Amino acid sequence: YRSPMDLKLLEEVFFKIKIPVFAIGGIDYHNVLTLRQKGIKRIAVCRAICEAGDVEEAARGFVRLLGSMKE
């Protein structure tokens, strides 16, 4: 288990790095909005989908959630 990266540091990385950067690890429905509010547009989700009771619906849920946040 690894502790989450500090959101301020993650935000700095996203604004300073010129190549595509993805937030990965520990991302779920509850913290996606926080990441988006920090300007983080690229995420990778695994555990929240793979460990869901209904994997297909969990994936659809993320698609709906992220689709509703488009700029």
Protein backbone atom coordinates (compact mmCIF):
# COMPACT_ATOMS: atom_id res chain seq x y z
CA TYR A 1 0.00 0.00 0.00
CA ARG A 2 1.27 3.45 -0.90
CA SER A 3 0.04 6.72 0.58
CA PRO A 4 -1.77 9.02 -1.85
CA MET A 5 0.22 11.80 -3.47
CA ASP A 6 -0.45 15.20 -2.00
CA LEU A 7 -3.05 16.93 -4.20
CA LYS A 8 -1.01 20.14 -4.31
CA LEU A 9 2.01 18.25 -5.64
CA LEU A 10 -0.16 16.40 -8.16
CA GLU A 11 -1.64 19.70 -9.32
CA GLU A 12 1.86 21.18 -9.78
CA VAL A 13 2.96 18.16 -11.82
CA PHE A 14 -0.03 18.48 -14.14
CA PHE A 15 0.62 22.15 -14.82
CA LYS A 16 4.41 21.94 -15.19
CA ILE A 17 4.84 18.74 -17.20
CA LYS A 18 4.26 19.22 -20.92
CA ILE A 19 3.53 15.58 -21.78
CA PRO A 20 0.23 13.82 -20.99
CA VAL A 21 0.10 12.80 -17.31
CA PHE A 22 -2.49 10.50 -15.77
CA ALA A 23 -3.55 10.32 -12.14
CA ILE A 24 -3.62 6.64 -11.21
CA GLY A 25 -4.27 4.77 -7.99
CA GLY A 26 -7.03 5.04 -5.43
CA ILE A 27 -9.40 6.83 -7.79
CA ASP A 28 -13.10 6.26 -7.19
CA TYR A 29 -16.44 8.01 -7.66
CA HIS A 30 -15.82 10.10 -4.53
CA ASN A 31 -12.54 11.73 -5.52
CA VAL A 32 -12.90 12.16 -9.30
CA LEU A 33 -14.63 15.51 -8.82
CA THR A 34 -11.81 16.74 -6.55
CA LEU A 35 -9.23 15.79 -9.18
CA ARG A 36 -11.18 17.54 -11.92
CA GLN A 37 -11.51 20.68 -9.78
CA LYS A 38 -7.71 20.70 -9.48
CA GLY A 39 -7.46 20.73 -13.29
CA ILE A 40 -6.56 17.07 -13.64
CA LYS A 41 -8.23 15.79 -16.78
CA ARG A 42 -6.63 12.39 -17.29
CA ILE A 43 -7.26 9.54 -14.87
CA ALA A 44 -6.81 5.78 -14.88
CA VAL A 45 -9.23 3.69 -12.84
CA CYS A 46 -8.77 0.03 -12.05
CA ARG A 47 -9.64 -1.12 -8.53
CA ALA A 48 -12.92 0.81 -8.29
CA ILE A 49 -14.13 -1.03 -11.38
CA CYS A 50 -12.53 -4.45 -10.90
CA GLU A 51 -13.70 -4.80 -7.29
CA ALA A 52 -17.23 -3.59 -7.97
CA GLY A 53 -20.08 -6.06 -7.61
CA ASP A 54 -21.17 -5.22 -11.16
CA VAL A 55 -18.03 -4.43 -13.15
CA GLU A 56 -19.92 -3.44 -16.29
CA GLU A 57 -22.15 -0.99 -14.43
CA ALA A 58 -19.17 0.45 -12.53
CA ALA A 59 -17.40 1.13 -15.84
CA ARG A 60 -20.55 2.71 -17.27
CA GLY A 61 -20.84 4.82 -14.13
CA PHE A 62 -17.37 6.25 -14.65
CA VAL A 63 -18.10 6.93 -18.31
CA ARG A 64 -21.29 8.80 -17.34
CA LEU A 65 -19.54 10.69 -14.54
CA LEU A 66 -16.59 11.73 -16.67
CA GLY A 67 -18.81 12.55 -19.64
CA SER A 68 -20.84 14.92 -17.47
CA MET A 69 -17.63 16.77 -16.51
CA LYS A 70 -16.49 17.61 -20.03
CA GLU A 71 -15.51 21.21 -20.56
